[in-house]
């Protein structure tokens, strides 16, 4: 009888033990999916909250140039059909230890060390990047302030002072006033954000036509081709006294080289098949990024990025706003008309 009970128990329990195997696997799989979803949700939340947004549209209201009219996209195309103009600023903010180290100073405040208007053609297969020299003398319009007041109109003011006195809102308003081109979006990256982006992409390769020795940016480069890490790429972007006549125009040429180099480096990165690499780059970019509220979410930035997948570095034209020496100061420049006006007209 004992043996019979044992035999019956064995026959009864074995199926239950076998059924526990798939149940356990299912629970493990479900747990892994929950943890994976939680991790993905945290990563999305983290990246989304990295971005700083500024409500430029609300601050400036309706007194602005009209939006550009783009040709509609083909019916079978998933790409947006509208043309876009984006003001991209490189801020020389010294806030934070890393920015102070890279900026070479401990002063407060910030100015727009680099200013580019990026025009994306309808269909997003071509782009024009127009650099605005920071030493350009402009009429800076009255800009709203966070306290509810406004700044005074300033005549013959350096272009990069707009950001210093009124932040992104005044920078956008000043660009729109001098170009009569509507800025659809705004992107700003600080010193440390740019350096980290270059490092996350594995560096950039640039070719210089002359030796560079700049005590201010601390850059020493022989003429030729160089692969630069983030710190040295930033130093190249800030170099002006070690090349040419030491003006801002020489620095702009180096910055345009870096734009092309970054586009080429992004093109060779197979980030879509490298989730860890994609997250690393996204985390780097969003951590140092300030945008208008139309781009201050990961979803909107992703949508913009996907629309640019067909844009190659060779389809990006880089130019500098035509300028001439300012009559009042040979160390400053003013827009060269009518050439500058014709350039801006082409972007409307």
C-alpha atoms as a PDB file:
ATOM      1  CA  UNK A   1       0.000   0.000   0.000  1.00  0.00           C
ATOM      2  CA  UNK A   2       2.833   2.351   0.814  1.00  0.00           C
ATOM      3  CA  UNK A   3       4.360   1.609  -2.538  1.00  0.00           C
ATOM      4  CA  UNK A   4       0.983   2.103  -4.193  1.00  0.00           C
ATOM      5  CA  UNK A   5       0.534   5.510  -2.559  1.00  0.00           C
ATOM      6  CA  UNK A   6       3.997   6.503  -3.590  1.00  0.00           C
ATOM      7  CA  UNK A   7       3.345   5.408  -7.136  1.00  0.00           C
ATOM      8  CA  UNK A   8       0.047   7.306  -7.325  1.00  0.00           C
ATOM      9  CA  UNK A   9       1.665  10.455  -5.838  1.00  0.00           C
ATOM     10  CA  UNK A  10       4.428  10.211  -8.379  1.00  0.00           C
ATOM     11  CA  UNK A  11       1.944   9.893 -11.186  1.00  0.00           C
ATOM     12  CA  UNK A  12      -0.063  12.842  -9.828  1.00  0.00           C
ATOM     13  CA  UNK A  13       2.781  15.248  -9.060  1.00  0.00           C
ATOM     14  CA  UNK A  14       4.936  14.813 -12.128  1.00  0.00           C
ATOM     15  CA  UNK A  15       2.516  16.601 -14.468  1.00  0.00           C
ATOM     16  CA  UNK A  16       2.256  19.505 -11.987  1.00  0.00           C
ATOM     17  CA  UNK A  17       6.047  19.852 -11.899  1.00  0.00           C
ATOM     18  CA  UNK A  18       6.223  19.822 -15.715  1.00  0.00           C
ATOM     19  CA  UNK A  19       3.547  22.523 -15.930  1.00  0.00           C
ATOM     20  CA  UNK A  20       5.574  24.755 -13.613  1.00  0.00           C
ATOM     21  CA  UNK A  21       8.384  24.988 -16.164  1.00  0.00           C
ATOM     22  CA  UNK A  22       6.502  26.962 -18.823  1.00  0.00           C
ATOM     23  CA  UNK A  23       4.722  28.928 -16.087  1.00  0.00           C
ATOM     24  CA  UNK A  24       8.061  29.928 -14.563  1.00  0.00           C
ATOM     25  CA  UNK A  25       9.447  30.854 -17.997  1.00  0.00           C
ATOM     26  CA  UNK A  26       6.341  32.924 -18.673  1.00  0.00           C
ATOM     27  CA  UNK A  27       6.721  34.734 -15.365  1.00  0.00           C
ATOM     28  CA  UNK A  28      10.407  35.412 -16.029  1.00  0.00           C
ATOM     29  CA  UNK A  29       9.584  36.674 -19.523  1.00  0.00           C
ATOM     30  CA  UNK A  30       6.760  38.843 -18.205  1.00  0.00           C
ATOM     31  CA  UNK A  31       9.046  40.219 -15.518  1.00  0.00           C
ATOM     32  CA  UNK A  32      11.722  40.966 -18.098  1.00  0.00           C
ATOM     33  CA  UNK A  33       9.184  42.731 -20.300  1.00  0.00           C
ATOM     34  CA  UNK A  34       7.923  44.798 -17.372  1.00  0.00           C
ATOM     35  CA  UNK A  35      11.468  45.712 -16.359  1.00  0.00           C
ATOM     36  CA  UNK A  36      12.353  46.472 -19.974  1.00  0.00           C
ATOM     37  CA  UNK A  37       9.300  48.666 -20.369  1.00  0.00           C
ATOM     38  CA  UNK A  38      10.098  50.408 -17.091  1.00  0.00           C
ATOM     39  CA  UNK A  39      13.699  50.988 -18.173  1.00  0.00           C
ATOM     40  CA  UNK A  40      12.560  52.286 -21.551  1.00  0.00           C
ATOM     41  CA  UNK A  41      10.001  54.503 -19.833  1.00  0.00           C
ATOM     42  CA  UNK A  42      12.633  55.879 -17.457  1.00  0.00           C
ATOM     43  CA  UNK A  43      15.060  56.483 -20.330  1.00  0.00           C
ATOM     44  CA  UNK A  44      12.376  58.360 -22.281  1.00  0.00           C
ATOM     45  CA  UNK A  45      11.420  60.400 -19.204  1.00  0.00           C
ATOM     46  CA  UNK A  46      15.079  61.146 -18.492  1.00  0.00           C
ATOM     47  CA  UNK A  47      15.839  62.302 -22.028  1.00  0.00           C
ATOM     48  CA  UNK A  48      12.593  64.267 -22.256  1.00  0.00           C
ATOM     49  CA  UNK A  49      13.344  66.108 -19.006  1.00  0.00           C
ATOM     50  CA  UNK A  50      16.926  66.849 -20.045  1.00  0.00           C
ATOM     51  CA  UNK A  51      15.675  69.461 -22.502  1.00  0.00           C
ATOM     52  CA  UNK A  52      15.155  73.084 -21.443  1.00  0.00           C
ATOM     53  CA  UNK A  53      12.266  74.775 -23.248  1.00  0.00           C
ATOM     54  CA  UNK A  54      11.620  78.495 -23.795  1.00  0.00           C
ATOM     55  CA  UNK A  55       8.195  79.698 -24.973  1.00  0.00           C
ATOM     56  CA  UNK A  56       9.445  82.089 -27.641  1.00  0.00           C
ATOM     57  CA  UNK A  57       6.173  82.192 -29.590  1.00  0.00           C
ATOM     58  CA  UNK A  58       4.237  83.382 -26.558  1.00  0.00           C
ATOM     59  CA  UNK A  59       6.882  85.948 -25.616  1.00  0.00           C
ATOM     60  CA  UNK A  60       7.035  87.517 -29.094  1.00  0.00           C
ATOM     61  CA  UNK A  61       3.352  87.310 -30.013  1.00  0.00           C
ATOM     62  CA  UNK A  62       2.129  87.979 -33.550  1.00  0.00           C
ATOM     63  CA  UNK A  63       4.383  90.891 -34.510  1.00  0.00           C
ATOM     64  CA  UNK A  64       6.766  88.693 -36.476  1.00  0.00           C
ATOM     65  CA  UNK A  65       7.631  87.845 -40.106  1.00  0.00           C
ATOM     66  CA  UNK A  66       5.246  85.384 -41.790  1.00  0.00           C
ATOM     67  CA  UNK A  67       6.083  81.702 -41.795  1.00  0.00           C
ATOM     68  CA  UNK A  68       7.758  80.407 -44.984  1.00  0.00           C
ATOM     69  CA  UNK A  69       5.530  78.741 -47.552  1.00  0.00           C
ATOM     70  CA  UNK A  70       6.897  75.309 -48.480  1.00  0.00           C
ATOM     71  CA  UNK A  71       5.819  73.106 -51.353  1.00  0.00           C
ATOM     72  CA  UNK A  72       3.679  70.163 -50.204  1.00  0.00           C
ATOM     73  CA  UNK A  73       5.390  66.825 -49.835  1.00  0.00           C
ATOM     74  CA  UNK A  74       4.629  64.098 -52.404  1.00  0.00           C
ATOM     75  CA  UNK A  75       1.585  61.999 -51.503  1.00  0.00           C
ATOM     76  CA  UNK A  76       3.728  58.913 -50.935  1.00  0.00           C
ATOM     77  CA  UNK A  77       6.270  60.713 -48.762  1.00  0.00           C
ATOM     78  CA  UNK A  78       6.263  60.516 -44.962  1.00  0.00           C
ATOM     79  CA  UNK A  79       8.546  63.538 -44.681  1.00  0.00           C
ATOM     80  CA  UNK A  80       7.152  66.928 -43.681  1.00  0.00           C
ATOM     81  CA  UNK A  81       6.667  69.143 -46.717  1.00  0.00           C
ATOM     82  CA  UNK A  82       7.209  72.530 -45.148  1.00  0.00           C
ATOM     83  CA  UNK A  83      10.444  74.501 -45.230  1.00  0.00           C
ATOM     84  CA  UNK A  84      11.867  75.400 -41.832  1.00  0.00           C
ATOM     85  CA  UNK A  85      14.208  78.079 -40.519  1.00  0.00           C
ATOM     86  CA  UNK A  86      15.983  77.269 -37.264  1.00  0.00           C
ATOM     87  CA  UNK A  87      18.174  79.670 -35.300  1.00  0.00           C
ATOM     88  CA  UNK A  88      21.063  77.656 -33.845  1.00  0.00           C
ATOM     89  CA  UNK A  89      23.176  79.321 -31.175  1.00  0.00           C
ATOM     90  CA  UNK A  90      26.340  78.200 -29.461  1.00  0.00           C
ATOM     91  CA  UNK A  91      26.291  79.805 -26.028  1.00  0.00           C
ATOM     92  CA  UNK A  92      29.519  80.823 -24.303  1.00  0.00           C
ATOM     93  CA  UNK A  93      27.889  80.411 -20.901  1.00  0.00           C
ATOM     94  CA  UNK A  94      30.324  80.003 -18.001  1.00  0.00           C
ATOM     95  CA  UNK A  95      27.646  78.524 -15.737  1.00  0.00           C
ATOM     96  CA  UNK A  96      28.838  75.279 -14.175  1.00  0.00           C
ATOM     97  CA  UNK A  97      32.389  74.093 -13.573  1.00  0.00           C
ATOM     98  CA  UNK A  98      32.656  72.283 -16.909  1.00  0.00           C
ATOM     99  CA  UNK A  99      31.598  75.335 -18.941  1.00  0.00           C
ATOM    100  CA  UNK A 100      34.013  77.533 -16.988  1.00  0.00           C
ATOM    101  CA  UNK A 101      36.844  75.088 -17.676  1.00  0.00           C
ATOM    102  CA  UNK A 102      36.065  74.921 -21.386  1.00  0.00           C
ATOM    103  CA  UNK A 103      35.375  78.644 -21.641  1.00  0.00           C
ATOM    104  CA  UNK A 104      38.616  79.621 -20.022  1.00  0.00           C
ATOM    105  CA  UNK A 105      37.043  82.075 -17.604  1.00  0.00           C
ATOM    106  CA  UNK A 106      34.781  82.458 -14.608  1.00  0.00           C
ATOM    107  CA  UNK A 107      32.688  85.445 -15.696  1.00  0.00           C
ATOM    108  CA  UNK A 108      28.937  85.399 -15.250  1.00  0.00           C
ATOM    109  CA  UNK A 109      26.313  85.605 -17.972  1.00  0.00           C
ATOM    110  CA  UNK A 110      26.547  84.395 -21.536  1.00  0.00           C
ATOM    111  CA  UNK A 111      26.581  85.561 -25.141  1.00  0.00           C
ATOM    112  CA  UNK A 112      25.911  83.839 -28.441  1.00  0.00           C
ATOM    113  CA  UNK A 113      29.420  82.817 -29.410  1.00  0.00           C
ATOM    114  CA  UNK A 114      28.120  81.134 -32.581  1.00  0.00           C
ATOM    115  CA  UNK A 115      24.972  82.004 -34.537  1.00  0.00           C
ATOM    116  CA  UNK A 116      23.670  80.129 -37.565  1.00  0.00           C
ATOM    117  CA  UNK A 117      20.348  80.247 -39.388  1.00  0.00           C
ATOM    118  CA  UNK A 118      19.665  76.741 -40.698  1.00  0.00           C
ATOM    119  CA  UNK A 119      17.211  76.699 -43.601  1.00  0.00           C
ATOM    120  CA  UNK A 120      15.742  73.266 -44.363  1.00  0.00           C
ATOM    121  CA  UNK A 121      14.223  73.076 -47.817  1.00  0.00           C
ATOM    122  CA  UNK A 122      10.784  71.578 -48.349  1.00  0.00           C
ATOM    123  CA  UNK A 123      11.202  67.797 -48.420  1.00  0.00           C
ATOM    124  CA  UNK A 124      14.334  68.035 -46.230  1.00  0.00           C
ATOM    125  CA  UNK A 125      16.805  66.906 -48.908  1.00  0.00           C
ATOM    126  CA  UNK A 126      18.852  70.128 -48.933  1.00  0.00           C
ATOM    127  CA  UNK A 127      19.811  72.777 -46.412  1.00  0.00           C
ATOM    128  CA  UNK A 128      21.540  76.144 -46.229  1.00  0.00           C
ATOM    129  CA  UNK A 129      23.462  77.185 -43.125  1.00  0.00           C
ATOM    130  CA  UNK A 130      24.030  80.942 -42.853  1.00  0.00           C
ATOM    131  CA  UNK A 131      26.540  82.115 -40.255  1.00  0.00           C
ATOM    132  CA  UNK A 132      26.025  85.542 -38.682  1.00  0.00           C
ATOM    133  CA  UNK A 133      29.283  87.139 -37.480  1.00  0.00           C
ATOM    134  CA  UNK A 134      29.035  87.964 -33.801  1.00  0.00           C
ATOM    135  CA  UNK A 135      30.807  91.297 -34.444  1.00  0.00           C
ATOM    136  CA  UNK A 136      28.024  92.513 -36.749  1.00  0.00           C
ATOM    137  CA  UNK A 137      26.589  95.881 -35.706  1.00  0.00           C
ATOM    138  CA  UNK A 138      22.783  95.813 -35.739  1.00  0.00           C
ATOM    139  CA  UNK A 139      19.771  97.662 -34.435  1.00  0.00           C
ATOM    140  CA  UNK A 140      18.726  95.536 -31.490  1.00  0.00           C
ATOM    141  CA  UNK A 141      14.940  95.805 -31.084  1.00  0.00           C
ATOM    142  CA  UNK A 142      13.086  96.235 -27.821  1.00  0.00           C
ATOM    143  CA  UNK A 143      12.796  92.781 -26.273  1.00  0.00           C
ATOM    144  CA  UNK A 144      10.455  91.473 -23.563  1.00  0.00           C
ATOM    145  CA  UNK A 145      12.003  90.533 -20.236  1.00  0.00           C
ATOM    146  CA  UNK A 146      10.918  87.756 -17.835  1.00  0.00           C
ATOM    147  CA  UNK A 147       9.812  90.395 -15.307  1.00  0.00           C
ATOM    148  CA  UNK A 148       7.227  91.751 -17.726  1.00  0.00           C
ATOM    149  CA  UNK A 149       9.157  94.800 -18.857  1.00  0.00           C
ATOM    150  CA  UNK A 150      11.199  95.331 -21.992  1.00  0.00           C
ATOM    151  CA  UNK A 151      14.685  96.345 -23.038  1.00  0.00           C
ATOM    152  CA  UNK A 152      15.360  99.582 -24.884  1.00  0.00           C
ATOM    153  CA  UNK A 153      16.069  99.704 -28.616  1.00  0.00           C
ATOM    154  CA  UNK A 154      19.856  99.805 -29.145  1.00  0.00           C
ATOM    155  CA  UNK A 155      21.425 101.217 -32.320  1.00  0.00           C
ATOM    156  CA  UNK A 156      24.833 100.072 -33.553  1.00  0.00           C
ATOM    157  CA  UNK A 157      24.909  97.237 -31.034  1.00  0.00           C
ATOM    158  CA  UNK A 158      26.953  94.075 -31.469  1.00  0.00           C
ATOM    159  CA  UNK A 159      24.760  91.206 -32.618  1.00  0.00           C
ATOM    160  CA  UNK A 160      25.780  88.808 -29.871  1.00  0.00           C
ATOM    161  CA  UNK A 161      24.690  91.262 -27.172  1.00  0.00           C
ATOM    162  CA  UNK A 162      21.029  90.391 -27.906  1.00  0.00           C
ATOM    163  CA  UNK A 163      21.381  87.037 -26.160  1.00  0.00           C
ATOM    164  CA  UNK A 164      23.289  88.653 -23.309  1.00  0.00           C
ATOM    165  CA  UNK A 165      20.526  91.155 -22.501  1.00  0.00           C
ATOM    166  CA  UNK A 166      17.431  89.139 -23.379  1.00  0.00           C
ATOM    167  CA  UNK A 167      18.315  85.462 -23.797  1.00  0.00           C
ATOM    168  CA  UNK A 168      16.829  83.277 -26.537  1.00  0.00           C
ATOM    169  CA  UNK A 169      13.752  85.496 -26.991  1.00  0.00           C
ATOM    170  CA  UNK A 170      15.812  88.605 -27.784  1.00  0.00           C
ATOM    171  CA  UNK A 171      18.217  86.617 -29.967  1.00  0.00           C
ATOM    172  CA  UNK A 172      15.305  85.374 -32.095  1.00  0.00           C
ATOM    173  CA  UNK A 173      13.666  88.800 -32.260  1.00  0.00           C
ATOM    174  CA  UNK A 174      16.942  90.436 -33.314  1.00  0.00           C
ATOM    175  CA  UNK A 175      17.549  87.889 -36.075  1.00  0.00           C
ATOM    176  CA  UNK A 176      13.998  88.279 -37.352  1.00  0.00           C
ATOM    177  CA  UNK A 177      14.317  92.075 -37.292  1.00  0.00           C
ATOM    178  CA  UNK A 178      17.555  92.094 -39.294  1.00  0.00           C
ATOM    179  CA  UNK A 179      16.528  89.406 -41.801  1.00  0.00           C
ATOM    180  CA  UNK A 180      12.713  89.606 -42.018  1.00  0.00           C
ATOM    181  CA  UNK A 181      12.828  85.783 -41.922  1.00  0.00           C
ATOM    182  CA  UNK A 182      10.621  83.901 -39.461  1.00  0.00           C
ATOM    183  CA  UNK A 183      12.529  81.596 -37.127  1.00  0.00           C
ATOM    184  CA  UNK A 184      10.326  78.504 -36.811  1.00  0.00           C
ATOM    185  CA  UNK A 185      12.497  76.947 -34.122  1.00  0.00           C
ATOM    186  CA  UNK A 186      15.377  77.689 -31.782  1.00  0.00           C
ATOM    187  CA  UNK A 187      18.240  75.416 -30.686  1.00  0.00           C
ATOM    188  CA  UNK A 188      21.028  76.300 -28.273  1.00  0.00           C
ATOM    189  CA  UNK A 189      24.002  74.212 -27.159  1.00  0.00           C
ATOM    190  CA  UNK A 190      26.535  75.353 -24.568  1.00  0.00           C
ATOM    191  CA  UNK A 191      30.293  74.742 -24.422  1.00  0.00           C
ATOM    192  CA  UNK A 192      30.170  71.495 -22.466  1.00  0.00           C
ATOM    193  CA  UNK A 193      27.229  70.158 -24.479  1.00  0.00           C
ATOM    194  CA  UNK A 194      29.113  70.593 -27.746  1.00  0.00           C
ATOM    195  CA  UNK A 195      32.273  68.954 -26.400  1.00  0.00           C
ATOM    196  CA  UNK A 196      30.321  65.988 -25.021  1.00  0.00           C
ATOM    197  CA  UNK A 197      28.455  65.570 -28.312  1.00  0.00           C
ATOM    198  CA  UNK A 198      31.706  65.329 -30.266  1.00  0.00           C
ATOM    199  CA  UNK A 199      33.060  62.773 -27.789  1.00  0.00           C
ATOM    200  CA  UNK A 200      29.839  60.733 -27.930  1.00  0.00           C
ATOM    201  CA  UNK A 201      30.217  60.553 -31.718  1.00  0.00           C
ATOM    202  CA  UNK A 202      33.804  59.362 -31.417  1.00  0.00           C
ATOM    203  CA  UNK A 203      35.406  62.666 -32.420  1.00  0.00           C
ATOM    204  CA  UNK A 204      35.429  64.533 -35.735  1.00  0.00           C
ATOM    205  CA  UNK A 205      37.924  64.734 -38.577  1.00  0.00           C
ATOM    206  CA  UNK A 206      38.784  68.142 -40.027  1.00  0.00           C
ATOM    207  CA  UNK A 207      41.443  69.496 -42.371  1.00  0.00           C
ATOM    208  CA  UNK A 208      43.062  72.878 -41.762  1.00  0.00           C
ATOM    209  CA  UNK A 209      44.937  74.788 -44.456  1.00  0.00           C
ATOM    210  CA  UNK A 210      47.279  76.629 -42.098  1.00  0.00           C
ATOM    211  CA  UNK A 211      48.981  76.187 -38.763  1.00  0.00           C
ATOM    212  CA  UNK A 212      46.875  77.311 -35.799  1.00  0.00           C
ATOM    213  CA  UNK A 213      48.319  78.763 -32.631  1.00  0.00           C
ATOM    214  CA  UNK A 214      45.780  80.578 -30.472  1.00  0.00           C
ATOM    215  CA  UNK A 215      46.605  81.514 -26.877  1.00  0.00           C
ATOM    216  CA  UNK A 216      42.955  82.315 -26.130  1.00  0.00           C
ATOM    217  CA  UNK A 217      41.485  78.963 -27.213  1.00  0.00           C
ATOM    218  CA  UNK A 218      44.701  77.120 -26.235  1.00  0.00           C
ATOM    219  CA  UNK A 219      44.727  75.310 -29.577  1.00  0.00           C
ATOM    220  CA  UNK A 220      47.901  74.278 -31.388  1.00  0.00           C
ATOM    221  CA  UNK A 221      47.453  72.489 -34.714  1.00  0.00           C
ATOM    222  CA  UNK A 222      49.719  71.991 -37.698  1.00  0.00           C
ATOM    223  CA  UNK A 223      48.162  72.396 -41.131  1.00  0.00           C
ATOM    224  CA  UNK A 224      46.666  69.103 -42.261  1.00  0.00           C
ATOM    225  CA  UNK A 225      44.033  66.547 -41.301  1.00  0.00           C
ATOM    226  CA  UNK A 226      43.277  65.913 -37.643  1.00  0.00           C
ATOM    227  CA  UNK A 227      40.846  63.765 -35.661  1.00  0.00           C
ATOM    228  CA  UNK A 228      39.712  65.907 -32.754  1.00  0.00           C
ATOM    229  CA  UNK A 229      38.090  64.995 -29.458  1.00  0.00           C
ATOM    230  CA  UNK A 230      35.434  67.185 -27.856  1.00  0.00           C
ATOM    231  CA  UNK A 231      37.769  69.612 -26.085  1.00  0.00           C
ATOM    232  CA  UNK A 232      39.911  70.239 -29.150  1.00  0.00           C
ATOM    233  CA  UNK A 233      36.902  70.493 -31.464  1.00  0.00           C
ATOM    234  CA  UNK A 234      35.458  73.157 -29.163  1.00  0.00           C
ATOM    235  CA  UNK A 235      38.802  74.966 -29.133  1.00  0.00           C
ATOM    236  CA  UNK A 236      38.756  74.946 -32.940  1.00  0.00           C
ATOM    237  CA  UNK A 237      35.225  76.387 -32.953  1.00  0.00           C
ATOM    238  CA  UNK A 238      36.396  79.209 -30.653  1.00  0.00           C
ATOM    239  CA  UNK A 239      39.662  79.971 -32.450  1.00  0.00           C
ATOM    240  CA  UNK A 240      39.956  83.372 -34.122  1.00  0.00           C
ATOM    241  CA  UNK A 241      43.263  84.991 -33.147  1.00  0.00           C
ATOM    242  CA  UNK A 242      45.445  82.156 -34.379  1.00  0.00           C
ATOM    243  CA  UNK A 243      44.301  82.282 -38.017  1.00  0.00           C
ATOM    244  CA  UNK A 244      44.048  84.805 -40.841  1.00  0.00           C
ATOM    245  CA  UNK A 245      43.597  88.392 -39.681  1.00  0.00           C
ATOM    246  CA  UNK A 246      42.224  87.328 -36.303  1.00  0.00           C
ATOM    247  CA  UNK A 247      38.683  88.401 -37.138  1.00  0.00           C
ATOM    248  CA  UNK A 248      35.456  86.552 -36.477  1.00  0.00           C
ATOM    249  CA  UNK A 249      35.217  85.700 -40.194  1.00  0.00           C
ATOM    250  CA  UNK A 250      38.133  83.292 -39.915  1.00  0.00           C
ATOM    251  CA  UNK A 251      36.517  81.576 -36.947  1.00  0.00           C
ATOM    252  CA  UNK A 252      33.279  81.189 -38.894  1.00  0.00           C
ATOM    253  CA  UNK A 253      35.173  79.306 -41.608  1.00  0.00           C
ATOM    254  CA  UNK A 254      36.432  76.845 -38.988  1.00  0.00           C
ATOM    255  CA  UNK A 255      32.954  76.482 -37.498  1.00  0.00           C
ATOM    256  CA  UNK A 256      31.516  75.652 -40.909  1.00  0.00           C
ATOM    257  CA  UNK A 257      34.165  72.953 -41.325  1.00  0.00           C
ATOM    258  CA  UNK A 258      33.034  71.507 -38.009  1.00  0.00           C
ATOM    259  CA  UNK A 259      29.386  71.510 -39.098  1.00  0.00           C
ATOM    260  CA  UNK A 260      30.278  69.417 -42.143  1.00  0.00           C
ATOM    261  CA  UNK A 261      32.529  67.160 -40.065  1.00  0.00           C
ATOM    262  CA  UNK A 262      29.750  66.533 -37.533  1.00  0.00           C
ATOM    263  CA  UNK A 263      27.266  65.694 -40.282  1.00  0.00           C
ATOM    264  CA  UNK A 264      29.737  63.257 -41.834  1.00  0.00           C
ATOM    265  CA  UNK A 265      30.466  61.633 -38.469  1.00  0.00           C
ATOM    266  CA  UNK A 266      26.747  61.216 -37.735  1.00  0.00           C
ATOM    267  CA  UNK A 267      26.278  59.650 -41.177  1.00  0.00           C
ATOM    268  CA  UNK A 268      28.820  56.889 -40.486  1.00  0.00           C
ATOM    269  CA  UNK A 269      27.366  56.051 -37.059  1.00  0.00           C
ATOM    270  CA  UNK A 270      24.952  53.127 -37.313  1.00  0.00           C
ATOM    271  CA  UNK A 271      23.001  54.327 -34.302  1.00  0.00           C
ATOM    272  CA  UNK A 272      19.698  52.730 -35.283  1.00  0.00           C
ATOM    273  CA  UNK A 273      21.247  49.279 -34.739  1.00  0.00           C
ATOM    274  CA  UNK A 274      23.149  50.364 -31.613  1.00  0.00           C
ATOM    275  CA  UNK A 275      20.623  51.243 -28.887  1.00  0.00           C
ATOM    276  CA  UNK A 276      23.344  51.910 -26.306  1.00  0.00           C
ATOM    277  CA  UNK A 277      25.159  54.246 -28.689  1.00  0.00           C
ATOM    278  CA  UNK A 278      21.920  55.966 -29.656  1.00  0.00           C
ATOM    279  CA  UNK A 279      21.019  56.540 -26.015  1.00  0.00           C
ATOM    280  CA  UNK A 280      24.505  57.844 -25.241  1.00  0.00           C
ATOM    281  CA  UNK A 281      24.334  60.407 -28.046  1.00  0.00           C
ATOM    282  CA  UNK A 282      20.735  61.367 -27.219  1.00  0.00           C
ATOM    283  CA  UNK A 283      21.577  61.793 -23.541  1.00  0.00           C
ATOM    284  CA  UNK A 284      24.552  63.954 -24.447  1.00  0.00           C
ATOM    285  CA  UNK A 285      22.631  66.160 -26.862  1.00  0.00           C
ATOM    286  CA  UNK A 286      19.566  66.697 -24.695  1.00  0.00           C
ATOM    287  CA  UNK A 287      21.572  67.409 -21.526  1.00  0.00           C
ATOM    288  CA  UNK A 288      23.105  70.562 -22.986  1.00  0.00           C
ATOM    289  CA  UNK A 289      20.144  71.622 -25.111  1.00  0.00           C
ATOM    290  CA  UNK A 290      17.762  74.571 -24.908  1.00  0.00           C
ATOM    291  CA  UNK A 291      14.962  74.807 -27.476  1.00  0.00           C
ATOM    292  CA  UNK A 292      11.725  76.611 -28.162  1.00  0.00           C
ATOM    293  CA  UNK A 293       8.631  74.866 -26.830  1.00  0.00           C
ATOM    294  CA  UNK A 294       7.937  73.436 -30.282  1.00  0.00           C
ATOM    295  CA  UNK A 295      11.010  71.208 -29.931  1.00  0.00           C
ATOM    296  CA  UNK A 296      11.333  70.723 -26.179  1.00  0.00           C
ATOM    297  CA  UNK A 297      10.173  67.106 -26.147  1.00  0.00           C
ATOM    298  CA  UNK A 298      11.935  63.941 -27.212  1.00  0.00           C
ATOM    299  CA  UNK A 299       9.038  63.138 -29.541  1.00  0.00           C
ATOM    300  CA  UNK A 300       9.364  66.420 -31.459  1.00  0.00           C
ATOM    301  CA  UNK A 301      13.157  66.207 -31.672  1.00  0.00           C
ATOM    302  CA  UNK A 302      12.889  62.607 -32.886  1.00  0.00           C
ATOM    303  CA  UNK A 303      10.362  63.636 -35.524  1.00  0.00           C
ATOM    304  CA  UNK A 304      12.673  66.407 -36.748  1.00  0.00           C
ATOM    305  CA  UNK A 305      15.644  64.035 -36.785  1.00  0.00           C
ATOM    306  CA  UNK A 306      13.765  61.384 -38.752  1.00  0.00           C
ATOM    307  CA  UNK A 307      12.727  63.974 -41.328  1.00  0.00           C
ATOM    308  CA  UNK A 308      16.420  64.689 -41.961  1.00  0.00           C
ATOM    309  CA  UNK A 309      17.449  61.104 -42.718  1.00  0.00           C
ATOM    310  CA  UNK A 310      17.668  61.887 -46.432  1.00  0.00           C
ATOM    311  CA  UNK A 311      19.875  64.943 -45.879  1.00  0.00           C
ATOM    312  CA  UNK A 312      23.539  64.253 -46.680  1.00  0.00           C
ATOM    313  CA  UNK A 313      26.507  66.410 -45.738  1.00  0.00           C
ATOM    314  CA  UNK A 314      27.033  67.129 -49.440  1.00  0.00           C
ATOM    315  CA  UNK A 315      23.537  68.634 -49.681  1.00  0.00           C
ATOM    316  CA  UNK A 316      24.290  71.196 -46.950  1.00  0.00           C
ATOM    317  CA  UNK A 317      25.507  74.567 -48.213  1.00  0.00           C
ATOM    318  CA  UNK A 318      27.388  76.757 -45.726  1.00  0.00           C
ATOM    319  CA  UNK A 319      27.637  80.509 -46.313  1.00  0.00           C
ATOM    320  CA  UNK A 320      28.339  83.630 -44.281  1.00  0.00           C
ATOM    321  CA  UNK A 321      26.071  86.651 -44.268  1.00  0.00           C
ATOM    322  CA  UNK A 322      27.723  89.205 -46.608  1.00  0.00           C
ATOM    323  CA  UNK A 323      29.365  91.917 -44.521  1.00  0.00           C
ATOM    324  CA  UNK A 324      31.710  94.890 -44.936  1.00  0.00           C
ATOM    325  CA  UNK A 325      33.799  96.761 -42.342  1.00  0.00           C
ATOM    326  CA  UNK A 326      31.688  99.118 -40.253  1.00  0.00           C
ATOM    327  CA  UNK A 327      32.329 102.805 -41.087  1.00  0.00           C
ATOM    328  CA  UNK A 328      32.301 103.620 -37.379  1.00  0.00           C
ATOM    329  CA  UNK A 329      34.717 100.886 -36.313  1.00  0.00           C
ATOM    330  CA  UNK A 330      37.092  98.863 -38.530  1.00  0.00           C
ATOM    331  CA  UNK A 331      37.005  96.051 -35.936  1.00  0.00           C
ATOM    332  CA  UNK A 332      33.264  95.568 -36.506  1.00  0.00           C
ATOM    333  CA  UNK A 333      31.189  94.697 -39.574  1.00  0.00           C
ATOM    334  CA  UNK A 334      27.779  95.583 -40.971  1.00  0.00           C
ATOM    335  CA  UNK A 335      25.539  93.764 -43.435  1.00  0.00           C
ATOM    336  CA  UNK A 336      26.616  94.285 -47.048  1.00  0.00           C
ATOM    337  CA  UNK A 337      23.502  95.367 -48.924  1.00  0.00           C
ATOM    338  CA  UNK A 338      21.853  94.479 -51.213  1.00  0.00           C
ATOM    339  CA  UNK A 339      23.678  91.117 -51.168  1.00  0.00           C
ATOM    340  CA  UNK A 340      22.679  90.296 -47.589  1.00  0.00           C
ATOM    341  CA  UNK A 341      19.053  91.104 -48.312  1.00  0.00           C
ATOM    342  CA  UNK A 342      19.058  88.849 -51.374  1.00  0.00           C
ATOM    343  CA  UNK A 343      20.410  85.984 -49.289  1.00  0.00           C
ATOM    344  CA  UNK A 344      17.709  86.331 -46.643  1.00  0.00           C
ATOM    345  CA  UNK A 345      15.053  86.678 -49.351  1.00  0.00           C
ATOM    346  CA  UNK A 346      16.046  83.265 -50.674  1.00  0.00           C
ATOM    347  CA  UNK A 347      15.201  81.698 -47.306  1.00  0.00           C
ATOM    348  CA  UNK A 348      11.664  83.071 -47.028  1.00  0.00           C
END
